[in-house]
Amino acid sequence: MNVSAKAFTQLLAVFGCVLALALSGCKTANSLNSKFDTTIGKKHKVTNVHEAEILPAHLRRVALLPIHKGRYDHLDLSPIEQNFVQELGKLNLFELIAVEPDKMEELFGVERYSSVEVLPTKLLSKLHEVYAIDGVMLIDLTFYNAYQPVGMGVRAKLLDGHTGELIWAADETFDGANPAVSNAARKYFQTQSTSAYPLQRTQTVLHSTARFSKYVAFALFETIQGTH
């Protein structure tokens, strides 16, 4: 197979950078990733996870409640909430029911509940009555940085819709300035996400909280038992 002089030169450049990486470490890796849009180096893994030994067999329908925004209540998180619904739905672990804020207001008089507050006793029974759910997912936005490189902190809990027992929980902060997070986010867009702009460089995931939230949701929810 013939290789053009330009392609050969580029290949040599990449090889040289890889060799330099082996000799000088993370700084070179970051430079290489930026220049050639690669994801060489350590990838962030979500580790702050609690889960039951097995997912309950009766967990067939799960209600995903609106994200609790806390001190970020002034923000419109609609695109981010949609991404969380999509990423959780992709796992096909259960039938997902996304409960809208206006429906929450109608049923409970509030749009959102935090995963750490004392929940009303009627929450599970009412959701079961309306949606016939077997589980409830609550999510909190704990950190949000819209400036480049973006960052997002998320706490999530999955409760048994019949007993209220905790099935799964994760609490993680994703800082786009962290090279391991940057690598993992861009790797996600290379391998897991389809983009309307396939030639767009993966670094753009670190410039948009909406795009970054797709990676965050994927990384968080893939820790649920049964997704591997």
Protein backbone atom coordinates (compact mmCIF):
# COMPACT_ATOMS: atom_id res chain seq x y z
CA MET A 1 0.00 0.00 0.00
CA ASN A 2 1.42 3.38 -1.03
CA VAL A 3 1.68 6.01 1.65
CA SER A 4 1.90 9.66 0.67
CA ALA A 5 4.81 11.73 1.91
CA LYS A 6 2.43 13.90 3.94
CA ALA A 7 0.79 10.88 5.61
CA PHE A 8 4.20 9.36 6.33
CA THR A 9 5.37 12.61 7.92
CA GLN A 10 2.25 12.74 10.10
CA LEU A 11 2.81 9.11 11.12
CA LEU A 12 6.37 9.88 12.13
CA ALA A 13 5.17 12.88 14.13
CA VAL A 14 2.66 10.76 16.05
CA PHE A 15 5.27 8.06 16.66
CA GLY A 16 7.68 10.68 17.93
CA CYS A 17 5.07 12.06 20.30
CA VAL A 18 4.24 8.60 21.60
CA LEU A 19 7.92 7.95 22.23
CA ALA A 20 8.21 11.29 24.00
CA LEU A 21 5.16 10.39 26.06
CA ALA A 22 6.84 7.23 27.28
CA LEU A 23 9.82 9.29 28.36
CA SER A 24 8.22 12.41 29.83
CA GLY A 25 4.71 11.50 31.01
CA CYS A 26 1.45 13.40 31.47
CA LYS A 27 2.48 16.81 30.16
CA THR A 28 3.44 15.32 26.80
CA ALA A 29 0.25 13.23 26.80
CA ASN A 30 -1.88 16.34 27.19
CA SER A 31 -0.02 18.10 24.39
CA LEU A 32 -0.32 15.04 22.14
CA ASN A 33 -4.05 14.66 22.83
CA SER A 34 -4.66 18.31 22.04
CA LYS A 35 -2.63 18.31 18.83
CA PHE A 36 -3.79 15.02 17.34
CA ASP A 37 -7.22 14.71 19.02
CA THR A 38 -6.23 11.47 20.75
CA THR A 39 -7.07 10.18 24.23
CA ILE A 40 -3.78 8.72 25.38
CA GLY A 41 -3.41 8.40 29.13
CA LYS A 42 -5.45 7.59 32.21
CA LYS A 43 -9.27 7.60 31.95
CA HIS A 44 -11.48 8.65 34.86
CA LYS A 45 -13.60 5.95 36.50
CA VAL A 46 -16.51 6.53 38.85
CA THR A 47 -15.66 4.86 42.15
CA ASN A 48 -17.92 6.47 44.76
CA VAL A 49 -20.71 3.94 44.25
CA HIS A 50 -23.02 1.97 46.53
CA GLU A 51 -25.18 -0.82 45.17
CA ALA A 52 -27.20 -3.81 46.25
CA GLU A 53 -25.74 -7.24 45.51
CA ILE A 54 -28.24 -7.74 42.71
CA LEU A 55 -30.89 -5.64 41.01
CA PRO A 56 -34.35 -6.70 42.27
CA ALA A 57 -36.14 -8.94 39.80
CA HIS A 58 -39.29 -6.83 40.06
CA LEU A 59 -37.48 -3.67 38.93
CA ARG A 60 -39.23 -3.31 35.57
CA ARG A 61 -40.43 0.32 35.50
CA VAL A 62 -38.45 3.20 36.99
CA ALA A 63 -39.54 6.82 37.37
CA LEU A 64 -36.75 9.32 36.73
CA LEU A 65 -37.60 12.50 38.63
CA PRO A 66 -36.50 15.99 37.49
CA ILE A 67 -32.95 16.93 38.47
CA HIS A 68 -32.79 18.82 41.77
CA LYS A 69 -30.75 21.93 40.97
CA GLY A 70 -30.08 23.27 44.47
CA ARG A 71 -28.14 26.53 44.30
CA TYR A 72 -28.28 26.32 40.51
CA ASP A 73 -32.06 26.64 40.49
CA HIS A 74 -31.87 29.70 38.23
CA LEU A 75 -30.43 27.61 35.37
CA ASP A 76 -32.41 26.00 32.57
CA LEU A 77 -31.22 22.40 32.64
CA SER A 78 -33.67 21.06 30.06
CA PRO A 79 -30.98 19.87 27.57
CA ILE A 80 -29.00 18.25 30.39
CA GLU A 81 -32.08 16.50 31.78
CA GLN A 82 -32.86 15.16 28.32
CA ASN A 83 -29.34 13.76 28.06
CA PHE A 84 -29.70 11.98 31.40
CA VAL A 85 -32.98 10.44 30.25
CA GLN A 86 -31.39 9.28 26.99
CA GLU A 87 -28.25 7.83 28.55
CA LEU A 88 -30.15 5.94 31.25
CA GLY A 89 -32.64 4.71 28.66
CA LYS A 90 -29.83 3.37 26.45
CA LEU A 91 -28.92 0.82 29.11
CA ASN A 92 -32.25 -0.97 28.72
CA LEU A 93 -32.18 -2.03 32.35
CA PHE A 94 -35.84 -1.19 32.81
CA GLU A 95 -38.67 0.77 31.24
CA LEU A 96 -37.90 4.39 32.03
CA ILE A 97 -40.61 6.91 32.90
CA ALA A 98 -39.33 10.51 32.84
CA VAL A 99 -41.60 12.53 35.11
CA GLU A 100 -41.89 16.17 33.99
CA PRO A 101 -41.63 19.06 36.51
CA ASP A 102 -45.20 20.20 35.83
CA LYS A 103 -46.47 16.71 36.60
CA MET A 104 -44.51 16.71 39.85
CA GLU A 105 -46.10 20.05 40.72
CA GLU A 106 -49.53 18.58 40.01
CA LEU A 107 -48.94 15.46 42.11
CA PHE A 108 -46.87 16.80 45.02
CA GLY A 109 -46.95 20.60 44.92
CA VAL A 110 -43.20 20.81 44.16
CA GLU A 111 -41.26 20.27 40.95
CA ARG A 112 -38.22 18.51 42.39
CA TYR A 113 -36.97 16.49 45.33
CA SER A 114 -33.38 16.15 46.48
CA SER A 115 -31.91 12.70 46.96
CA VAL A 116 -30.78 13.68 50.47
CA GLU A 117 -33.96 15.23 51.86
CA VAL A 118 -36.67 13.41 53.79
CA LEU A 119 -39.11 12.34 51.12
CA PRO A 120 -42.87 12.49 51.69
CA THR A 121 -44.47 9.17 52.59
CA LYS A 122 -46.85 9.46 49.66
CA LEU A 123 -44.09 9.83 47.05
CA LEU A 124 -43.65 6.15 46.23
CA SER A 125 -47.30 5.20 46.61
CA LYS A 126 -48.48 8.07 44.41
CA LEU A 127 -45.92 7.36 41.69
CA HIS A 128 -46.88 3.70 41.80
CA GLU A 129 -50.55 4.62 41.54
CA VAL A 130 -50.03 6.91 38.54
CA TYR A 131 -47.21 5.15 36.69
CA ALA A 132 -47.14 1.60 38.13
CA ILE A 133 -43.44 2.05 38.87
CA ASP A 134 -41.11 -0.39 40.64
CA GLY A 135 -38.31 2.09 41.30
CA VAL A 136 -37.50 5.80 41.57
CA MET A 137 -34.33 7.59 40.45
CA LEU A 138 -33.46 10.91 42.13
CA ILE A 139 -30.64 13.12 40.90
CA ASP A 140 -28.97 16.21 42.38
CA LEU A 141 -26.74 18.69 40.60
CA THR A 142 -24.03 19.34 43.20
CA PHE A 143 -21.54 21.30 41.09
CA TYR A 144 -21.82 23.19 37.82
CA ASN A 145 -19.22 25.14 35.87
CA ALA A 146 -20.26 26.42 32.47
CA TYR A 147 -16.87 27.95 31.67
CA GLN A 148 -14.16 26.12 29.77
CA PRO A 149 -13.14 23.55 30.70
CA VAL A 150 -16.58 22.68 32.01
CA GLY A 151 -17.34 20.71 35.17
CA MET A 152 -20.30 18.96 36.72
CA GLY A 153 -21.03 17.22 40.00
CA VAL A 154 -23.89 14.75 40.28
CA ARG A 155 -25.38 12.66 43.07
CA ALA A 156 -27.92 9.98 42.12
CA LYS A 157 -29.95 7.37 44.00
CA LEU A 158 -32.14 4.51 42.80
CA LEU A 159 -34.80 3.44 45.30
CA ASP A 160 -37.00 0.36 45.36
CA GLY A 161 -40.45 1.68 44.51
CA HIS A 162 -42.16 -0.79 46.85
CA THR A 163 -39.95 -0.73 49.94
CA GLY A 164 -38.02 2.53 49.59
CA GLU A 165 -34.75 0.66 50.09
CA LEU A 166 -31.62 1.98 48.38
CA ILE A 167 -30.67 -0.13 45.37
CA TRP A 168 -27.86 1.97 43.89
CA ALA A 169 -26.20 5.32 44.55
CA ALA A 170 -23.31 7.30 43.08
CA ASP A 171 -21.81 10.67 43.92
CA GLU A 172 -19.09 12.09 41.68
CA THR A 173 -17.61 15.38 40.49
CA PHE A 174 -16.38 15.53 36.90
CA ASP A 175 -13.83 18.30 36.34
CA GLY A 176 -12.98 18.86 32.70
CA ALA A 177 -9.63 20.37 33.74
CA ASN A 178 -8.60 16.95 35.08
CA PRO A 179 -6.72 15.14 32.26
CA ALA A 180 -8.25 11.77 33.24
CA VAL A 181 -11.77 13.25 33.02
CA SER A 182 -10.92 15.01 29.76
CA ASN A 183 -9.62 11.76 28.27
CA ALA A 184 -12.66 9.79 29.39
CA ALA A 185 -15.11 12.41 28.10
CA ARG A 186 -13.46 12.61 24.69
CA LYS A 187 -13.13 8.82 24.51
CA TYR A 188 -16.87 8.59 25.14
CA PHE A 189 -17.56 10.79 22.14
CA GLN A 190 -15.20 8.73 20.00
CA THR A 191 -16.73 5.37 20.87
CA GLN A 192 -20.19 5.75 22.41
CA SER A 193 -21.86 8.87 21.06
CA THR A 194 -23.03 9.72 17.58
CA SER A 195 -22.61 13.35 16.63
CA ALA A 196 -24.34 15.49 14.04
CA TYR A 197 -20.86 16.75 13.22
CA PRO A 198 -18.68 13.61 12.88
CA LEU A 199 -15.59 15.61 11.90
CA GLN A 200 -15.84 17.84 14.96
CA ARG A 201 -12.85 17.52 17.28
CA THR A 202 -13.56 15.79 20.57
CA GLN A 203 -12.19 18.72 22.58
CA THR A 204 -15.53 20.48 21.99
CA VAL A 205 -17.05 18.22 24.67
CA LEU A 206 -15.08 20.30 27.19
CA HIS A 207 -16.60 23.53 25.87
CA SER A 208 -20.28 22.69 26.27
CA THR A 209 -22.06 21.64 29.46
CA ALA A 210 -24.83 20.05 27.36
CA ARG A 211 -22.38 17.81 25.50
CA PHE A 212 -20.34 17.15 28.64
CA SER A 213 -23.49 16.06 30.49
CA LYS A 214 -23.93 13.16 28.06
CA TYR A 215 -20.57 11.78 29.15
CA VAL A 216 -21.35 12.47 32.82
CA ALA A 217 -24.66 10.59 32.61
CA PHE A 218 -23.02 7.70 30.74
CA ALA A 219 -20.15 7.41 33.24
CA LEU A 220 -22.50 7.58 36.20
CA PHE A 221 -25.16 5.16 34.99
CA GLU A 222 -22.77 2.54 33.60
CA THR A 223 -21.88 1.73 37.21
CA ILE A 224 -25.37 0.31 37.77
CA GLN A 225 -25.08 -3.44 38.18
CA GLY A 226 -26.08 -5.29 35.05
CA THR A 227 -24.65 -2.75 32.58
CA HIS A 228 -21.40 -4.62 32.04
